Protein backbone atom coordinates (compact mmCIF):
# COMPACT_ATOMS: atom_id res chain seq x y z
CA MET A 1 29.10 -59.66 53.25
CA ARG A 2 32.08 -60.11 55.54
CA LEU A 3 30.83 -59.97 59.11
CA LEU A 4 32.96 -59.79 62.25
CA VAL A 5 30.97 -61.03 65.26
CA SER A 6 31.73 -61.21 68.98
CA ALA A 7 29.53 -62.94 71.60
CA VAL A 8 31.27 -64.40 74.63
CA ASP A 9 28.48 -65.28 77.08
CA ALA A 10 26.52 -68.52 76.65
CA ALA A 11 23.20 -66.73 76.02
CA ALA A 12 24.84 -64.13 73.77
CA ASP A 13 26.45 -66.89 71.72
CA ARG A 14 23.04 -68.53 71.27
CA PHE A 15 21.32 -65.31 70.25
CA ALA A 16 24.12 -64.31 67.87
CA ALA A 17 23.95 -67.71 66.17
CA ARG A 18 20.27 -67.10 65.40
CA VAL A 19 21.20 -63.81 63.73
CA ILE A 20 23.75 -65.64 61.57
CA ASP A 21 21.07 -68.17 60.60
CA ALA A 22 18.71 -65.30 59.70
CA LEU A 23 21.40 -63.65 57.58
CA ARG A 24 22.04 -66.89 55.70
CA ALA A 25 18.31 -67.47 55.21
CA ASP A 26 17.98 -64.66 52.66
CA GLY A 27 20.44 -66.41 50.35
CA ALA A 28 23.01 -63.60 50.13
CA PRO A 29 26.65 -64.70 50.51
CA LEU A 30 27.96 -64.37 54.06
CA GLU A 31 31.46 -64.83 55.43
CA ALA A 32 31.39 -64.65 59.25
CA SER A 33 34.28 -64.86 61.68
CA GLY A 34 34.98 -63.73 65.23
CA VAL A 35 34.68 -64.75 68.87
CA GLY A 36 32.00 -67.04 70.25
CA ARG A 37 31.13 -70.43 71.64
CA GLU A 38 29.49 -73.64 70.51
CA ALA A 39 26.36 -72.11 68.95
CA LEU A 40 28.27 -69.73 66.66
CA ALA A 41 30.59 -72.53 65.64
CA ARG A 42 27.58 -74.67 64.69
CA ALA A 43 26.20 -71.70 62.72
CA GLY A 44 29.29 -71.79 60.52
CA VAL A 45 31.21 -68.87 62.03
CA THR A 46 35.00 -69.21 61.84
CA LEU A 47 36.05 -68.77 65.46
CA LEU A 48 39.25 -66.76 65.81
CA ARG A 49 39.01 -67.38 69.54
CA ARG A 50 36.55 -69.10 71.86
CA GLY A 51 34.81 -66.80 74.29
CA ASN A 52 34.31 -69.22 77.18
CA ASP A 53 37.02 -67.65 79.37
CA LEU A 54 36.29 -64.01 78.48
CA SER A 55 32.93 -63.61 80.18
CA ALA A 56 32.73 -61.78 83.52
CA VAL A 57 30.38 -59.53 85.47
CA GLY A 58 31.88 -56.90 87.76
CA LEU A 59 35.17 -55.11 88.33
CA VAL A 60 36.95 -57.68 90.49
CA GLU A 61 35.54 -60.60 88.50
CA ALA A 62 36.93 -59.18 85.25
CA LEU A 63 40.52 -58.71 86.48
CA PRO A 64 41.72 -62.30 85.90
CA ARG A 65 40.45 -62.08 82.32
CA ALA A 66 41.78 -58.60 81.54
CA GLY A 67 44.86 -59.82 79.67
CA ALA A 68 42.92 -62.28 77.52
CA ALA A 69 40.24 -59.65 76.83
CA ALA A 70 42.85 -57.07 75.77
CA ARG A 71 44.51 -59.53 73.42
CA THR A 72 41.12 -60.40 71.93
CA VAL A 73 40.26 -56.73 71.36
CA LEU A 74 43.63 -56.20 69.68
CA ARG A 75 43.14 -59.18 67.40
CA LEU A 76 39.66 -58.11 66.33
CA SER A 77 40.79 -54.49 66.03
CA ALA A 78 43.52 -55.50 63.60
CA ARG A 79 40.90 -57.04 61.31
CA LEU A 80 38.75 -53.92 61.52
CA LEU A 81 41.64 -51.57 60.79
CA ALA A 82 42.65 -53.74 57.84
CA ARG A 83 39.06 -53.43 56.56
CA GLN A 84 38.63 -57.19 56.60
CA ALA A 85 34.97 -56.76 57.61
CA ASP A 86 31.99 -54.96 56.07
CA ALA A 87 30.14 -54.81 59.40
CA LEU A 88 30.63 -55.60 63.08
CA LEU A 89 28.06 -57.35 65.29
CA VAL A 90 28.71 -57.42 69.04
CA VAL A 91 26.42 -58.91 71.68
CA ASP A 92 26.34 -57.88 75.36
CA ALA A 93 29.72 -57.81 77.26
CA PRO A 94 30.27 -54.00 77.24
CA GLU A 95 33.72 -54.06 78.87
CA LEU A 96 34.98 -56.09 75.92
CA HIS A 97 32.95 -54.47 73.18
CA LEU A 98 32.97 -50.74 73.87
CA PRO A 99 36.68 -50.46 72.94
CA LEU A 100 35.93 -52.46 69.81
CA LEU A 101 33.17 -50.04 68.79
CA ARG A 102 35.63 -47.13 69.02
CA VAL A 103 38.07 -48.93 66.73
CA ALA A 104 35.25 -49.77 64.29
CA ARG A 105 34.36 -46.08 64.05
CA LEU A 106 37.97 -45.13 63.36
CA ALA A 107 38.25 -47.90 60.77
CA GLY A 108 35.03 -46.88 59.04
CA VAL A 109 33.32 -50.23 59.74
CA PRO A 110 29.66 -49.83 60.75
CA ALA A 111 28.53 -51.69 63.87
CA VAL A 112 25.40 -53.15 65.40
CA TYR A 113 25.25 -53.66 69.16
CA TYR A 114 22.75 -56.37 70.16
CA LEU A 115 21.80 -56.41 73.88
CA PRO A 116 23.64 -53.14 74.59
CA PRO A 117 24.81 -52.24 78.12
CA GLN A 118 22.18 -51.40 80.70
CA ALA A 119 23.39 -47.82 80.96
CA TRP A 120 19.89 -46.79 82.03
CA ALA A 121 20.55 -48.73 85.25
CA TRP A 122 24.12 -47.65 85.95
CA ARG A 123 27.13 -45.96 84.31
CA ALA A 124 25.04 -43.75 82.05
CA GLY A 125 28.23 -42.14 80.73
CA ARG A 126 28.68 -45.10 78.40
CA ALA A 127 25.94 -43.61 76.23
CA ARG A 128 28.36 -40.90 75.05
CA ALA A 129 30.87 -43.47 73.81
CA ILE A 130 28.19 -45.41 71.97
CA ALA A 131 26.73 -42.26 70.43
CA TRP A 132 30.19 -41.30 69.13
CA SER A 133 30.70 -44.76 67.64
CA GLY A 134 27.62 -44.43 65.45
CA ALA A 135 26.59 -48.00 66.32
CA ARG A 136 23.00 -49.04 65.82
CA LEU A 137 21.53 -50.62 68.93
CA ALA A 138 19.19 -53.61 68.89
CA THR A 139 17.46 -53.44 72.27
CA VAL A 140 15.48 -56.27 73.85
CA LEU A 141 13.63 -54.56 76.71
CA PRO A 142 10.64 -52.38 75.85
CA PHE A 143 11.76 -49.22 77.69
CA GLU A 144 15.39 -49.14 76.48
CA SER A 145 15.05 -47.63 73.02
CA ALA A 146 13.46 -44.38 74.20
CA TRP A 147 16.24 -43.93 76.78
CA TRP A 148 18.97 -44.36 74.15
CA ARG A 149 17.25 -42.19 71.54
CA ALA A 150 16.98 -39.34 74.02
CA ARG A 151 20.79 -39.44 74.13
CA GLY A 152 21.29 -39.28 70.38
CA VAL A 153 21.77 -43.00 69.77
CA PHE A 154 20.03 -44.95 67.02
CA ALA A 155 18.15 -47.69 68.91
CA GLU A 156 15.46 -50.11 67.79
CA PHE A 157 13.42 -52.44 70.00
CA VAL A 158 13.63 -55.83 68.27
CA GLY A 159 11.81 -57.92 70.87
CA HIS A 160 13.49 -60.37 73.22
CA PRO A 161 15.34 -63.26 71.54
CA ILE A 162 13.94 -65.73 74.06
CA LEU A 163 10.60 -65.37 72.29
CA ASP A 164 12.23 -66.75 69.14
CA GLU A 165 12.67 -70.06 70.94
CA PRO A 166 9.89 -72.51 71.82
CA LEU A 167 9.04 -72.51 75.51
CA PRO A 168 9.71 -75.83 77.26
CA ALA A 169 6.54 -77.93 77.50
CA ARG A 170 5.93 -78.10 81.24
CA ARG A 171 5.65 -81.59 82.70
CA PRO A 172 6.43 -80.89 86.37
CA GLU A 173 7.56 -83.74 88.58
CA SER A 174 6.57 -83.71 92.24
CA GLY A 175 9.23 -82.20 94.49
CA VAL A 176 11.66 -81.18 91.72
CA CYS A 177 13.49 -77.84 92.08
CA ALA A 178 15.36 -76.47 89.06
CA ILE A 179 18.64 -74.79 89.97
CA PHE A 180 20.46 -72.36 87.67
CA PRO A 181 23.74 -71.20 89.22
CA GLY A 182 25.06 -69.41 86.11
CA SER A 183 27.33 -69.94 83.12
CA ARG A 184 30.54 -68.46 84.57
CA PRO A 185 32.81 -70.43 86.94
CA GLU A 186 32.68 -67.76 89.67
CA GLU A 187 28.87 -67.71 89.49
CA VAL A 188 28.69 -71.45 89.97
CA ARG A 189 31.10 -71.24 92.92
CA ARG A 190 29.05 -68.53 94.65
CA HIS A 191 25.56 -69.80 93.94
CA LEU A 192 25.50 -73.57 93.72
CA ALA A 193 26.02 -74.51 97.38
CA PRO A 194 23.29 -72.27 98.89
CA MET A 195 20.91 -73.20 96.07
CA LEU A 196 21.38 -76.91 96.70
CA GLY A 197 21.14 -76.34 100.45
CA ALA A 198 17.81 -74.54 100.08
CA ALA A 199 16.28 -77.31 97.97
CA ARG A 200 17.42 -79.98 100.41
CA ARG A 201 16.11 -78.03 103.43
CA LEU A 202 12.68 -78.16 101.81
CA GLY A 203 13.01 -81.85 101.00
CA MET A 204 13.06 -81.20 97.27
CA ARG A 205 15.06 -82.96 94.56
CA PRO A 206 17.43 -80.49 92.86
CA ILE A 207 18.14 -80.66 89.14
CA VAL A 208 20.95 -78.34 88.05
CA GLY A 209 20.39 -76.73 84.67
CA LEU A 210 23.74 -76.12 83.01
CA ALA A 211 24.71 -73.75 80.24
CA PRO A 212 26.59 -75.35 77.31
CA GLY A 213 30.29 -75.76 78.04
CA VAL A 214 29.90 -75.70 81.85
CA ALA A 215 31.44 -78.70 83.60
CA PRO A 216 28.79 -80.62 85.57
CA PRO A 217 29.32 -80.52 89.35
CA ALA A 218 29.93 -83.86 91.02
CA GLY A 219 27.18 -85.66 92.89
CA VAL A 220 24.14 -83.77 91.54
CA GLU A 221 21.59 -84.47 88.83
CA THR A 222 22.03 -82.21 85.81
CA ALA A 223 20.05 -81.40 82.69
CA SER A 224 19.83 -78.78 79.98
CA GLY A 225 18.16 -75.53 80.98
CA ALA A 226 15.01 -76.33 78.98
CA GLU A 227 14.77 -79.82 80.47
CA ALA A 228 15.17 -78.52 84.03
CA ILE A 229 12.44 -75.90 83.48
CA ALA A 230 10.11 -78.51 81.99
CA ARG A 231 10.45 -80.91 84.93
CA ALA A 232 10.50 -78.49 87.86
CA GLU A 233 7.77 -77.31 90.20
CA VAL A 234 9.85 -74.32 91.34
CA ALA A 235 13.18 -72.76 90.42
CA ILE A 236 16.13 -70.93 91.94
CA ALA A 237 17.91 -68.90 89.27
CA LYS A 238 20.77 -66.44 89.20
CA SER A 239 19.85 -63.02 87.84
CA GLY A 240 20.18 -62.98 84.06
CA THR A 241 18.57 -64.47 80.99
CA ILE A 242 17.80 -67.81 82.62
CA CYS A 243 15.52 -66.34 85.29
CA LEU A 244 13.54 -64.69 82.49
CA GLU A 245 13.26 -68.03 80.67
CA ALA A 246 11.92 -69.66 83.83
CA ALA A 247 9.43 -66.84 84.41
CA LEU A 248 8.19 -66.97 80.80
CA ALA A 249 7.46 -70.67 81.31
CA GLY A 250 5.28 -69.79 84.32
CA LEU A 251 7.68 -71.33 86.83
CA PRO A 252 7.66 -69.92 90.41
CA THR A 253 11.22 -68.58 90.65
CA VAL A 254 13.49 -67.09 93.30
CA ILE A 255 16.14 -64.82 91.77
CA VAL A 256 19.56 -64.61 93.43
CA TYR A 257 22.93 -63.03 92.76
CA ARG A 258 26.25 -62.69 94.53
CA LEU A 259 29.15 -60.47 93.47
CA ALA A 260 32.63 -59.86 94.82
CA ARG A 261 32.40 -57.51 97.83
CA VAL A 262 34.16 -54.62 96.09
CA THR A 263 31.94 -54.94 93.02
CA PHE A 264 28.79 -55.08 95.14
CA ALA A 265 29.83 -52.02 97.17
CA LEU A 266 30.38 -50.11 93.92
CA ALA A 267 27.10 -51.31 92.44
CA ARG A 268 25.15 -50.19 95.52
CA ARG A 269 26.39 -46.63 94.99
CA LEU A 270 25.79 -46.52 91.24
CA VAL A 271 22.76 -48.67 90.38
CA ARG A 272 19.60 -46.63 89.87
CA VAL A 273 16.92 -49.29 89.40
CA PRO A 274 14.77 -50.94 92.09
CA HIS A 275 15.12 -54.52 90.80
CA VAL A 276 17.92 -56.70 89.43
CA GLY A 277 15.92 -59.60 88.00
CA LEU A 278 14.82 -59.15 84.38
CA PRO A 279 11.25 -60.36 85.06
CA ASN A 280 10.79 -57.73 87.77
CA LEU A 281 12.42 -55.01 85.66
CA VAL A 282 10.10 -55.71 82.73
CA LEU A 283 6.99 -55.97 84.91
CA GLY A 284 7.94 -52.92 86.96
CA ARG A 285 7.24 -54.64 90.25
CA ALA A 286 8.69 -57.28 92.60
CA ALA A 287 6.66 -60.21 91.29
CA TYR A 288 9.53 -62.66 91.94
CA PRO A 289 11.60 -62.66 95.16
CA GLU A 290 15.14 -61.31 94.80
CA LEU A 291 18.00 -62.15 97.16
CA LEU A 292 21.36 -60.41 96.87
CA GLN A 293 24.79 -60.83 98.38
CA ASN A 294 24.64 -61.88 102.08
CA ASP A 295 20.95 -62.78 101.76
CA VAL A 296 21.93 -65.55 99.34
CA SER A 297 21.98 -68.36 101.91
CA ALA A 298 20.36 -71.77 102.05
CA ASP A 299 17.93 -70.61 104.75
CA GLY A 300 17.10 -67.35 103.02
CA ILE A 301 16.43 -69.01 99.67
CA ALA A 302 14.37 -71.74 101.34
CA ARG A 303 12.13 -69.15 103.01
CA ALA A 304 11.64 -67.24 99.75
CA LEU A 305 10.91 -70.46 97.88
CA SER A 306 8.34 -71.56 100.48
CA ALA A 307 6.54 -68.23 100.10
CA ILE A 308 5.90 -68.68 96.36
CA ALA A 309 5.62 -72.48 96.03
CA GLY A 310 2.21 -73.40 94.70
CA ARG A 311 1.42 -69.90 93.41
CA ASP A 312 0.14 -69.57 89.86
CA PHE A 313 2.46 -67.34 87.81
CA ALA A 314 0.60 -67.79 84.50
CA GLY A 315 -0.57 -64.18 84.58
CA GLU A 316 2.96 -62.86 85.05
CA ALA A 317 4.22 -65.11 82.24
CA ALA A 318 1.56 -63.82 79.84
CA GLU A 319 2.31 -60.20 80.79
CA LEU A 320 6.03 -60.75 80.21
CA ARG A 321 5.39 -62.22 76.76
CA GLU A 322 3.20 -59.24 75.87
CA ARG A 323 5.77 -56.67 77.00
CA LEU A 324 8.80 -58.40 75.51
CA GLY A 325 7.29 -58.97 72.10
CA PRO A 326 7.90 -56.67 69.13
CA SER A 327 5.49 -53.97 68.08
CA VAL A 328 2.18 -55.07 66.61
CA SER A 329 2.45 -56.02 62.93
CA SER A 330 0.19 -54.73 60.16
CA ASP A 331 -2.34 -57.51 60.72
CA GLY A 332 -2.56 -56.71 64.45
CA VAL A 333 -0.60 -59.77 65.61
CA ARG A 334 2.49 -59.74 67.79
CA ARG A 335 5.15 -62.04 66.38
CA PRO A 336 8.61 -63.09 67.53
CA GLY A 337 11.53 -62.52 65.24
CA ALA A 338 14.30 -60.68 67.08
CA ALA A 339 16.96 -62.47 65.05
CA ARG A 340 15.40 -61.39 61.75
CA ARG A 341 15.18 -57.78 62.90
CA VAL A 342 18.82 -57.75 64.02
CA ALA A 343 19.84 -59.34 60.72
CA ALA A 344 18.06 -56.50 58.90
CA LEU A 345 19.99 -53.95 60.99
CA VAL A 346 23.26 -55.70 60.13
CA ARG A 347 22.40 -55.67 56.40
CA ALA A 348 21.54 -51.96 56.60
CA ALA A 349 24.78 -51.27 58.47
CA ALA A 350 26.88 -53.07 55.87
CA ALA A 351 25.30 -50.94 53.15
CA ASN A 352 26.47 -47.72 54.82
CA SER A 353 29.73 -46.24 55.99
CA VAL A 354 30.12 -45.01 59.56
CA ASP A 355 30.21 -41.40 58.36
CA SER A 356 26.74 -41.72 56.84
CA PHE A 357 25.26 -43.51 59.83
CA PRO A 358 22.15 -41.69 61.10
CA THR A 359 21.75 -41.01 64.78
CA ALA A 360 18.38 -40.73 66.42
CA ALA A 361 19.04 -37.04 67.09
CA SER A 362 19.71 -36.21 63.42
CA GLU A 363 16.64 -38.18 62.35
CA LEU A 364 14.50 -36.25 64.81
CA ARG A 365 15.87 -32.96 63.46
CA ARG A 366 14.99 -33.95 59.89
CA THR A 367 11.41 -34.81 60.87
């Protein structure tokens, strides 16, 4: 199978690499190329371009990368139109990948979208474009699949890929605060200073957990994300995958996020969900404090951190694991394996043409 893959964020790159490993594990020949970072390169994917400078969240934040993103879409589109791929796998990053899905449909190359856009939260109109593309969606949150299927999109809940990875063995050190400012340069610029200020106001020792490929800031102690979670008593994490990792480990966590003013003003008008942090979204309640925009200050974070320090979050962690896991298997046991399930979707996609792709609506009509 010739697979074209695109995963530009640090977490997406990691999750996509696990899918490649799962595809290789069945012994069938695989030729994979595309856009990614260090994890996909280690998995043996031929990188046509590195994705480190393509990742952005928000309208204003994406503008400096628009030219590079357009060139990347054109380059990948050329391969699709030349039928140099049997299937397309894209992960997250909808602004980059939705145009690519349209080209894949026109080229007759079936596609799988892993971690599809959160259209249930905002910009629901994107569901029409995805339905037209015929892409199969591999969703990671338990309520997403039903939302997509109601709109005629084939969607399967595969479980969250974090559960495929061993949780860090907690060995908390007294007074240590894990800090996760993000994997994008603008996130680090907006989050790091108030996060460090909050930890120091409380007399705690900050350890900054860095995503692969992020330059370490000067004058602070750094570690891998897993190491920082293992050693910390509490955490301050930007909204995203990392705050979910911290919560799954049972770490008391304050969730923060800052956007450009224009992007935030737009988001306030369009977002239809009560929470932004993944742990709170999955639990359906504000179990972890969330601070947004102007509330992201050293004093504000310090107050939120003081309110949860010392609390036992083991119950929330267990509930998250239960909700994020796949459906119960035939022997009644919940098992991880998101990467294997996505790999199966990719294999099924490669065996079909776009024209024969089933949608959830047509399947419902047949049954």
